[in-house]
Structure formats: C-alpha cells, structure tokens
Amino acid sequence: MRRRSLGIIAIVAVLGIGAYLAFDRYWYYLPGLLAAIRDPIQPNHEVAWERGPDVAAAAPADRPPNIVLIVADDLGWNDIKLTAPVFAGDTLYAESEVIAKRESQSRPTQGIVTVKTRGLNQDNKVVIAYERAILVPKRGYSVEDL
C-alpha cells in the first residue's frame, strides 16, 4: 500500500513539474487557445453582389462616391480605439477626414497626409476610430514618378 502511494505521488510530481515547465514556456499561447474555443473562426460566406441601376438617379456631381481608391503607402496608425464589437452580418461604413498634410522632406514628389477614420455599424455606432499617416503622390505626379 505504501509503495503504491509513493508511486502515485511520484507520478503526480512528475506531471506537476512537466505542467509547470510547459506553462512557463508556452503560457503566451493560452489567450489564443481560449479565444479559439470561445470564438471559433466561422467558414467563409459567399457575398452576393447586386448589379447597380443602368441609369443613375442623380448626376455624378450630386451623389457621394461609393468607391474610393487610394494609392498610398501607409506610414502608421495612431490612437486606435476599438469601441464596440463587430458581428457576422453587420453592415459597416467608414468615414475619413483629412486633418493634416505636409510635403515629404525626403521625397519631393510626395506628400504626407494625416487622416482620421471612423468605422460605424448599421446602427451608426462607432466600432473603430484611428488616425493614420499616408504617403501619397503630390498633384501633378503619378505613382510611376515615385
């Protein structure tokens, strides 16, 4: 009986030391593992794109743009605020405002623009807000001139 008890204590001790060493070495994986269990990644869903009208309801100058293409180099993000959760099925909108601009000191054909961006959900609730600096071609220059 005593021999069996010592064997069980030895096994528990070895398992405990192994668990301690594994935890000490891999503890930083724990939040990701818990998140994967709590919020598993769902399969991709196909997006059904709808064709727009053949004739626009208003003249181009009277309607807001629906696609914006910015050819820029992202220099960094600041003041990132994630203020609300986003769920599958949410409709998201983005608003950006130019808050500063200046010429690049090292690249004469480019400028640095600081933009404040907000992301809103279908309830008009801000879900993300941040500022970022981007490197863009100056007026009269193209991406090929960079």
N, C-alpha and C. Protein backbone atom coordinates (compact mmCIF):
# COMPACT_ATOMS: atom_id res chain seq x y z
N MET A 1 0.83 -1.20 0.00
CA MET A 1 0.00 0.00 0.00
C MET A 1 0.87 1.25 0.00
N ARG A 2 1.89 1.21 0.83
CA ARG A 2 2.78 2.36 0.93
C ARG A 2 3.54 2.57 -0.39
N ARG A 3 3.95 1.45 -0.98
CA ARG A 3 4.68 1.51 -2.23
C ARG A 3 3.79 2.10 -3.34
N ARG A 4 2.55 1.71 -3.37
CA ARG A 4 1.59 2.23 -4.36
C ARG A 4 1.37 3.73 -4.16
N SER A 5 1.26 4.18 -2.93
CA SER A 5 1.08 5.60 -2.63
C SER A 5 2.28 6.41 -3.09
N LEU A 6 3.48 5.89 -2.85
CA LEU A 6 4.69 6.59 -3.30
C LEU A 6 4.74 6.67 -4.82
N GLY A 7 4.31 5.61 -5.50
CA GLY A 7 4.26 5.62 -6.96
C GLY A 7 3.30 6.67 -7.49
N ILE A 8 2.14 6.77 -6.86
CA ILE A 8 1.14 7.78 -7.28
C ILE A 8 1.68 9.18 -7.01
N ILE A 9 2.31 9.39 -5.87
CA ILE A 9 2.89 10.70 -5.55
C ILE A 9 3.98 11.05 -6.55
N ALA A 10 4.82 10.08 -6.93
CA ALA A 10 5.88 10.32 -7.90
C ALA A 10 5.30 10.70 -9.26
N ILE A 11 4.25 10.00 -9.69
CA ILE A 11 3.62 10.32 -10.97
C ILE A 11 3.01 11.71 -10.94
N VAL A 12 2.32 12.06 -9.87
CA VAL A 12 1.72 13.40 -9.74
C VAL A 12 2.81 14.47 -9.73
N ALA A 13 3.94 14.19 -9.05
CA ALA A 13 5.04 15.15 -9.00
C ALA A 13 5.63 15.36 -10.39
N VAL A 14 5.86 14.29 -11.12
CA VAL A 14 6.43 14.41 -12.48
C VAL A 14 5.46 15.17 -13.38
N LEU A 15 4.19 14.83 -13.31
CA LEU A 15 3.20 15.55 -14.12
C LEU A 15 3.13 17.03 -13.74
N GLY A 16 3.20 17.32 -12.45
CA GLY A 16 3.17 18.71 -11.98
C GLY A 16 4.37 19.49 -12.46
N ILE A 17 5.56 18.89 -12.37
CA ILE A 17 6.77 19.58 -12.85
C ILE A 17 6.69 19.78 -14.37
N GLY A 18 6.21 18.77 -15.09
CA GLY A 18 6.05 18.90 -16.54
C GLY A 18 5.06 19.99 -16.90
N ALA A 19 3.95 20.05 -16.18
CA ALA A 19 2.96 21.08 -16.44
C ALA A 19 3.53 22.46 -16.15
N TYR A 20 4.29 22.59 -15.06
CA TYR A 20 4.90 23.88 -14.72
C TYR A 20 5.86 24.32 -15.81
N LEU A 21 6.72 23.41 -16.27
CA LEU A 21 7.69 23.75 -17.32
C LEU A 21 6.99 24.10 -18.63
N ALA A 22 5.95 23.35 -18.97
CA ALA A 22 5.21 23.65 -20.20
C ALA A 22 4.50 24.99 -20.08
N PHE A 23 3.89 25.27 -18.94
CA PHE A 23 3.20 26.54 -18.75
C PHE A 23 4.19 27.69 -18.78
N ASP A 24 5.34 27.50 -18.14
CA ASP A 24 6.36 28.54 -18.10
C ASP A 24 6.87 28.87 -19.49
N ARG A 25 6.93 27.87 -20.37
CA ARG A 25 7.46 28.09 -21.70
C ARG A 25 6.39 28.53 -22.70
N TYR A 26 5.15 28.06 -22.55
CA TYR A 26 4.11 28.30 -23.55
C TYR A 26 2.90 29.06 -23.02
N TRP A 27 3.00 29.78 -21.92
CA TRP A 27 1.85 30.47 -21.33
C TRP A 27 1.25 31.50 -22.27
N TYR A 28 2.07 32.09 -23.15
CA TYR A 28 1.55 33.15 -24.02
C TYR A 28 0.64 32.61 -25.12
N TYR A 29 0.60 31.30 -25.33
CA TYR A 29 -0.35 30.72 -26.28
C TYR A 29 -1.75 30.60 -25.69
N LEU A 30 -1.85 30.65 -24.38
CA LEU A 30 -3.11 30.40 -23.70
C LEU A 30 -4.24 31.34 -24.13
N PRO A 31 -4.04 32.67 -24.22
CA PRO A 31 -5.16 33.53 -24.67
C PRO A 31 -5.67 33.18 -26.06
N GLY A 32 -4.77 32.84 -26.98
CA GLY A 32 -5.20 32.46 -28.33
C GLY A 32 -5.98 31.16 -28.34
N LEU A 33 -5.55 30.20 -27.51
CA LEU A 33 -6.28 28.93 -27.43
C LEU A 33 -7.67 29.14 -26.84
N LEU A 34 -7.75 29.94 -25.79
CA LEU A 34 -9.06 30.21 -25.19
C LEU A 34 -9.97 30.96 -26.16
N ALA A 35 -9.41 31.92 -26.92
CA ALA A 35 -10.21 32.65 -27.89
C ALA A 35 -10.70 31.73 -29.00
N ALA A 36 -9.86 30.79 -29.42
CA ALA A 36 -10.27 29.85 -30.47
C ALA A 36 -11.42 28.96 -29.99
N ILE A 37 -11.43 28.63 -28.72
CA ILE A 37 -12.52 27.83 -28.17
C ILE A 37 -13.78 28.68 -28.01
N ARG A 38 -13.61 29.90 -27.49
CA ARG A 38 -14.75 30.77 -27.22
C ARG A 38 -15.36 31.33 -28.51
N ASP A 39 -14.51 31.78 -29.46
CA ASP A 39 -14.97 32.39 -30.70
C ASP A 39 -14.33 31.68 -31.89
N PRO A 40 -14.80 30.49 -32.25
CA PRO A 40 -14.16 29.78 -33.35
C PRO A 40 -14.37 30.52 -34.67
N ILE A 41 -13.41 30.37 -35.56
CA ILE A 41 -13.48 31.02 -36.87
C ILE A 41 -14.55 30.31 -37.69
N GLN A 42 -15.46 31.08 -38.21
CA GLN A 42 -16.56 30.54 -39.00
C GLN A 42 -16.12 30.38 -40.45
N PRO A 43 -16.78 29.52 -41.20
CA PRO A 43 -16.42 29.36 -42.62
C PRO A 43 -16.78 30.62 -43.40
N ASN A 44 -16.08 30.82 -44.52
CA ASN A 44 -16.36 31.97 -45.37
C ASN A 44 -17.76 31.85 -45.97
N HIS A 45 -18.39 32.99 -46.17
CA HIS A 45 -19.70 33.04 -46.80
C HIS A 45 -19.57 33.80 -48.10
N GLU A 46 -20.18 33.31 -49.12
CA GLU A 46 -20.12 33.99 -50.40
C GLU A 46 -20.97 35.25 -50.34
N VAL A 47 -20.44 36.31 -50.91
CA VAL A 47 -21.14 37.59 -50.94
C VAL A 47 -21.87 37.70 -52.27
N ALA A 48 -23.16 37.97 -52.20
CA ALA A 48 -23.96 38.13 -53.41
C ALA A 48 -23.96 39.60 -53.80
N TRP A 49 -23.19 39.95 -54.83
CA TRP A 49 -23.13 41.34 -55.27
C TRP A 49 -24.31 41.63 -56.18
N GLU A 50 -24.92 42.78 -55.96
CA GLU A 50 -26.06 43.16 -56.78
C GLU A 50 -25.62 44.18 -57.82
N ARG A 51 -26.15 44.05 -58.98
CA ARG A 51 -25.84 44.99 -60.06
C ARG A 51 -26.57 46.29 -59.79
N GLY A 52 -25.89 47.39 -59.99
CA GLY A 52 -26.49 48.70 -59.79
C GLY A 52 -27.42 49.06 -60.93
N PRO A 53 -28.11 50.18 -60.80
CA PRO A 53 -29.04 50.59 -61.86
C PRO A 53 -28.28 50.98 -63.13
N ASP A 54 -28.92 50.79 -64.28
CA ASP A 54 -28.30 51.18 -65.55
C ASP A 54 -28.24 52.69 -65.69
N VAL A 55 -29.22 53.37 -65.13
CA VAL A 55 -29.25 54.83 -65.19
C VAL A 55 -29.17 55.36 -63.76
N ALA A 56 -28.24 56.27 -63.54
CA ALA A 56 -28.05 56.82 -62.20
C ALA A 56 -29.23 57.70 -61.81
N ALA A 57 -29.55 57.71 -60.52
CA ALA A 57 -30.67 58.51 -60.02
C ALA A 57 -30.34 59.99 -59.99
N ALA A 58 -29.04 60.32 -59.93
CA ALA A 58 -28.64 61.73 -59.88
C ALA A 58 -27.36 61.88 -60.70
N ALA A 59 -27.06 63.13 -61.03
CA ALA A 59 -25.83 63.43 -61.77
C ALA A 59 -24.62 63.09 -60.90
N PRO A 60 -23.49 62.75 -61.51
CA PRO A 60 -22.31 62.38 -60.72
C PRO A 60 -21.90 63.42 -59.68
N ALA A 61 -22.05 64.69 -59.99
CA ALA A 61 -21.66 65.73 -59.03
C ALA A 61 -22.62 65.81 -57.85
N ASP A 62 -23.83 65.26 -58.01
CA ASP A 62 -24.84 65.36 -56.95
C ASP A 62 -24.91 64.14 -56.04
N ARG A 63 -24.09 63.13 -56.28
CA ARG A 63 -24.14 61.93 -55.45
C ARG A 63 -22.77 61.66 -54.83
N PRO A 64 -22.76 61.08 -53.64
CA PRO A 64 -21.48 60.79 -52.99
C PRO A 64 -20.78 59.62 -53.67
N PRO A 65 -19.46 59.57 -53.58
CA PRO A 65 -18.76 58.43 -54.19
C PRO A 65 -19.02 57.17 -53.40
N ASN A 66 -19.05 56.04 -54.10
CA ASN A 66 -19.25 54.79 -53.39
C ASN A 66 -17.99 53.93 -53.40
N ILE A 67 -17.01 54.29 -54.19
CA ILE A 67 -15.73 53.58 -54.21
C ILE A 67 -14.63 54.63 -54.20
N VAL A 68 -13.67 54.44 -53.30
CA VAL A 68 -12.54 55.34 -53.22
C VAL A 68 -11.28 54.50 -53.31
N LEU A 69 -10.41 54.83 -54.26
CA LEU A 69 -9.15 54.12 -54.41
C LEU A 69 -8.04 55.07 -54.01
N ILE A 70 -7.30 54.68 -53.00
CA ILE A 70 -6.18 55.49 -52.54
C ILE A 70 -4.90 54.71 -52.82
N VAL A 71 -4.07 55.27 -53.68
CA VAL A 71 -2.77 54.66 -53.94
C VAL A 71 -1.80 55.36 -53.00
N ALA A 72 -1.49 54.71 -51.92
CA ALA A 72 -0.69 55.35 -50.88
C ALA A 72 0.12 54.31 -50.14
N ASP A 73 1.12 54.79 -49.45
CA ASP A 73 1.93 53.94 -48.59
C ASP A 73 1.57 54.29 -47.16
N ASP A 74 1.11 53.29 -46.40
CA ASP A 74 0.69 53.51 -45.02
C ASP A 74 1.92 53.69 -44.14
N LEU A 75 2.02 54.83 -43.46
CA LEU A 75 3.17 55.12 -42.62
C LEU A 75 2.94 54.78 -41.16
N GLY A 76 1.72 54.47 -40.79
CA GLY A 76 1.47 54.09 -39.40
C GLY A 76 0.11 54.54 -38.92
N TRP A 77 -0.34 53.91 -37.86
CA TRP A 77 -1.63 54.21 -37.24
C TRP A 77 -1.40 54.72 -35.83
N ASN A 78 -2.25 55.64 -35.39
CA ASN A 78 -2.18 56.18 -34.03
C ASN A 78 -3.57 56.20 -33.42
N ASP A 79 -3.61 56.26 -32.11
CA ASP A 79 -4.87 56.43 -31.36
C ASP A 79 -5.96 55.47 -31.82
N ILE A 80 -5.62 54.20 -31.89
CA ILE A 80 -6.59 53.19 -32.34
C ILE A 80 -7.55 52.90 -31.19
N LYS A 81 -8.84 53.03 -31.47
CA LYS A 81 -9.87 52.76 -30.46
C LYS A 81 -10.86 51.76 -31.03
N LEU A 82 -10.98 50.60 -30.41
CA LEU A 82 -11.98 49.60 -30.78
C LEU A 82 -13.09 49.71 -29.74
N THR A 83 -14.16 50.39 -30.10
CA THR A 83 -15.15 50.81 -29.11
C THR A 83 -16.38 49.91 -29.01
N ALA A 84 -16.57 49.01 -29.97
CA ALA A 84 -17.75 48.14 -29.92
C ALA A 84 -17.44 46.88 -30.72
N PRO A 85 -18.10 45.77 -30.39
CA PRO A 85 -17.85 44.53 -31.14
C PRO A 85 -18.49 44.58 -32.52
N VAL A 86 -17.95 43.77 -33.43
CA VAL A 86 -18.50 43.61 -34.77
C VAL A 86 -18.86 42.14 -34.94
N PHE A 87 -20.03 41.88 -35.48
CA PHE A 87 -20.52 40.52 -35.62
C PHE A 87 -20.75 40.19 -37.09
N ALA A 88 -20.75 38.91 -37.40
CA ALA A 88 -21.08 38.47 -38.75
C ALA A 88 -22.47 38.97 -39.10
N GLY A 89 -22.62 39.52 -40.26
CA GLY A 89 -23.91 40.07 -40.69
C GLY A 89 -24.04 41.56 -40.47
N ASP A 90 -23.12 42.18 -39.71
CA ASP A 90 -23.16 43.63 -39.53
C ASP A 90 -22.83 44.33 -40.85
N THR A 91 -23.41 45.51 -41.04
CA THR A 91 -23.08 46.35 -42.18
C THR A 91 -22.17 47.46 -41.66
N LEU A 92 -21.02 47.62 -42.28
CA LEU A 92 -20.04 48.58 -41.81
C LEU A 92 -19.85 49.71 -42.82
N TYR A 93 -19.65 50.91 -42.29
CA TYR A 93 -19.40 52.10 -43.09
C TYR A 93 -18.14 52.76 -42.56
N ALA A 94 -17.45 53.50 -43.41
CA ALA A 94 -16.25 54.21 -42.98
C ALA A 94 -16.35 55.67 -43.39
N GLU A 95 -15.86 56.53 -42.51
CA GLU A 95 -15.77 57.97 -42.80
C GLU A 95 -14.34 58.39 -42.53
N SER A 96 -13.74 59.12 -43.45
CA SER A 96 -12.38 59.61 -43.26
C SER A 96 -12.36 61.11 -43.45
N GLU A 97 -11.52 61.76 -42.67
CA GLU A 97 -11.37 63.21 -42.73
C GLU A 97 -9.88 63.53 -42.74
N VAL A 98 -9.45 64.34 -43.69
CA VAL A 98 -8.06 64.77 -43.73
C VAL A 98 -7.88 65.84 -42.66
N ILE A 99 -6.95 65.58 -41.74
CA ILE A 99 -6.74 66.54 -40.65
C ILE A 99 -5.42 67.28 -40.75
N ALA A 100 -4.50 66.79 -41.60
CA ALA A 100 -3.23 67.50 -41.80
C ALA A 100 -2.59 67.01 -43.09
N LYS A 101 -1.77 67.88 -43.67
CA LYS A 101 -0.99 67.49 -44.84
C LYS A 101 0.30 68.29 -44.82
N ARG A 102 1.35 67.68 -45.37
CA ARG A 102 2.63 68.37 -45.47
C ARG A 102 3.45 67.70 -46.55
N GLU A 103 4.44 68.41 -47.05
CA GLU A 103 5.32 67.84 -48.06
C GLU A 103 6.33 66.92 -47.39
N SER A 104 6.71 65.87 -48.09
CA SER A 104 7.73 64.97 -47.58
C SER A 104 9.09 65.64 -47.73
N GLN A 105 9.90 65.59 -46.69
CA GLN A 105 11.22 66.21 -46.75
C GLN A 105 12.20 65.38 -47.56
N SER A 106 12.00 64.06 -47.58
CA SER A 106 12.95 63.19 -48.28
C SER A 106 12.50 62.80 -49.68
N ARG A 107 11.22 63.01 -50.00
CA ARG A 107 10.70 62.63 -51.32
C ARG A 107 9.95 63.83 -51.92
N PRO A 108 10.59 64.55 -52.83
CA PRO A 108 9.99 65.80 -53.33
C PRO A 108 8.72 65.61 -54.16
N THR A 109 8.46 64.41 -54.67
CA THR A 109 7.24 64.20 -55.47
C THR A 109 6.08 63.67 -54.64
N GLN A 110 6.27 63.58 -53.32
CA GLN A 110 5.24 63.00 -52.46
C GLN A 110 4.92 63.90 -51.28
N GLY A 111 3.76 63.66 -50.71
CA GLY A 111 3.35 64.38 -49.51
C GLY A 111 2.84 63.40 -48.47
N ILE A 112 2.78 63.87 -47.23
CA ILE A 112 2.29 63.05 -46.13
C ILE A 112 0.95 63.63 -45.68
N VAL A 113 -0.07 62.80 -45.70
CA VAL A 113 -1.42 63.21 -45.33
C VAL A 113 -1.81 62.45 -44.07
N THR A 114 -2.33 63.15 -43.08
CA THR A 114 -2.84 62.52 -41.87
C THR A 114 -4.36 62.48 -41.96
N VAL A 115 -4.91 61.29 -41.77
CA VAL A 115 -6.34 61.06 -41.95
C VAL A 115 -6.92 60.50 -40.65
N LYS A 116 -8.08 61.01 -40.26
CA LYS A 116 -8.82 60.49 -39.11
C LYS A 116 -9.97 59.67 -39.68
N THR A 117 -10.05 58.40 -39.30
CA THR A 117 -11.06 57.49 -39.85
C THR A 117 -11.91 56.92 -38.74
N ARG A 118 -13.22 56.81 -39.02
CA ARG A 118 -14.16 56.16 -38.09
C ARG A 118 -14.88 55.07 -38.85
N GLY A 119 -15.06 53.94 -38.18
CA GLY A 119 -15.86 52.86 -38.73
C GLY A 119 -17.16 52.76 -37.94
N LEU A 120 -18.28 52.72 -38.64
CA LEU A 120 -19.59 52.68 -38.00
C LEU A 120 -20.35 51.43 -38.43
N ASN A 121 -21.20 50.92 -37.54
CA ASN A 121 -22.03 49.77 -37.91
C ASN A 121 -23.39 50.26 -38.40
N GLN A 122 -24.30 49.33 -38.65
CA GLN A 122 -25.61 49.66 -39.20
C GLN A 122 -26.46 50.53 -38.26
N ASP A 123 -26.12 50.55 -36.98
CA ASP A 123 -26.85 51.38 -36.02
C ASP A 123 -26.18 52.74 -35.83
N ASN A 124 -25.23 53.07 -36.71
CA ASN A 124 -24.48 54.32 -36.66
C ASN A 124 -23.64 54.43 -35.38
N LYS A 125 -23.27 53.29 -34.82
CA LYS A 125 -22.43 53.25 -33.62
C LYS A 125 -20.97 53.08 -34.06
N VAL A 126 -20.09 53.89 -33.50
CA VAL A 126 -18.67 53.82 -33.85
C VAL A 126 -18.09 52.52 -33.29
N VAL A 127 -17.48 51.71 -34.18
CA VAL A 127 -16.87 50.45 -33.75
C VAL A 127 -15.35 50.53 -33.76
N ILE A 128 -14.80 51.46 -34.54
CA ILE A 128 -13.36 51.68 -34.57
C ILE A 128 -13.09 53.13 -34.96
N ALA A 129 -12.04 53.69 -34.39
CA ALA A 129 -11.60 55.03 -34.76
C ALA A 129 -10.08 55.05 -34.66
N TYR A 130 -9.45 55.70 -35.62
CA TYR A 130 -7.99 55.77 -35.60
C TYR A 130 -7.52 56.92 -36.49
N GLU A 131 -6.27 57.29 -36.32
CA GLU A 131 -5.61 58.24 -37.19
C GLU A 131 -4.46 57.51 -37.87
N ARG A 132 -4.20 57.87 -39.12
CA ARG A 132 -3.09 57.26 -39.81
C ARG A 132 -2.43 58.27 -40.73
N ALA A 133 -1.16 58.07 -40.97
CA ALA A 133 -0.40 58.91 -41.88
C ALA A 133 -0.11 58.08 -43.13
N ILE A 134 -0.33 58.70 -44.30
CA ILE A 134 -0.10 58.00 -45.55
C ILE A 134 0.77 58.86 -46.46
N LEU A 135 1.56 58.19 -47.27
CA LEU A 135 2.44 58.85 -48.23
C LEU A 135 1.75 58.79 -49.59
N VAL A 136 1.47 59.93 -50.20
CA VAL A 136 0.74 59.97 -51.46
C VAL A 136 1.50 60.82 -52.47
N PRO A 137 1.27 60.55 -53.77
CA PRO A 137 1.89 61.40 -54.79
C PRO A 137 1.30 62.81 -54.73
N LYS A 138 2.14 63.81 -54.94
CA LYS A 138 1.64 65.18 -54.97
C LYS A 138 0.93 65.45 -56.29
N ARG A 139 0.12 66.50 -56.30
CA ARG A 139 -0.61 66.87 -57.50
C ARG A 139 0.38 67.08 -58.66
N GLY A 140 0.05 66.52 -59.80
CA GLY A 140 0.92 66.64 -60.96
C GLY A 140 1.91 65.49 -61.11
N TYR A 141 1.96 64.61 -60.13
CA TYR A 141 2.83 63.43 -60.19
C TYR A 141 1.97 62.18 -60.12
N SER A 142 2.50 61.11 -60.66
CA SER A 142 1.76 59.84 -60.61
C SER A 142 2.57 58.82 -59.84
N VAL A 143 1.98 57.65 -59.67
CA VAL A 143 2.65 56.59 -58.94
C VAL A 143 3.93 56.18 -59.67
N GLU A 144 3.96 56.25 -61.00
CA GLU A 144 5.15 55.88 -61.77
C GLU A 144 6.31 56.85 -61.49
N ASP A 145 6.01 58.08 -61.06
CA ASP A 145 7.07 59.07 -60.79
C ASP A 145 7.74 58.83 -59.45
N LEU A 146 7.21 57.93 -58.66
CA LEU A 146 7.75 57.71 -57.32
C LEU A 146 9.01 56.93 -57.44
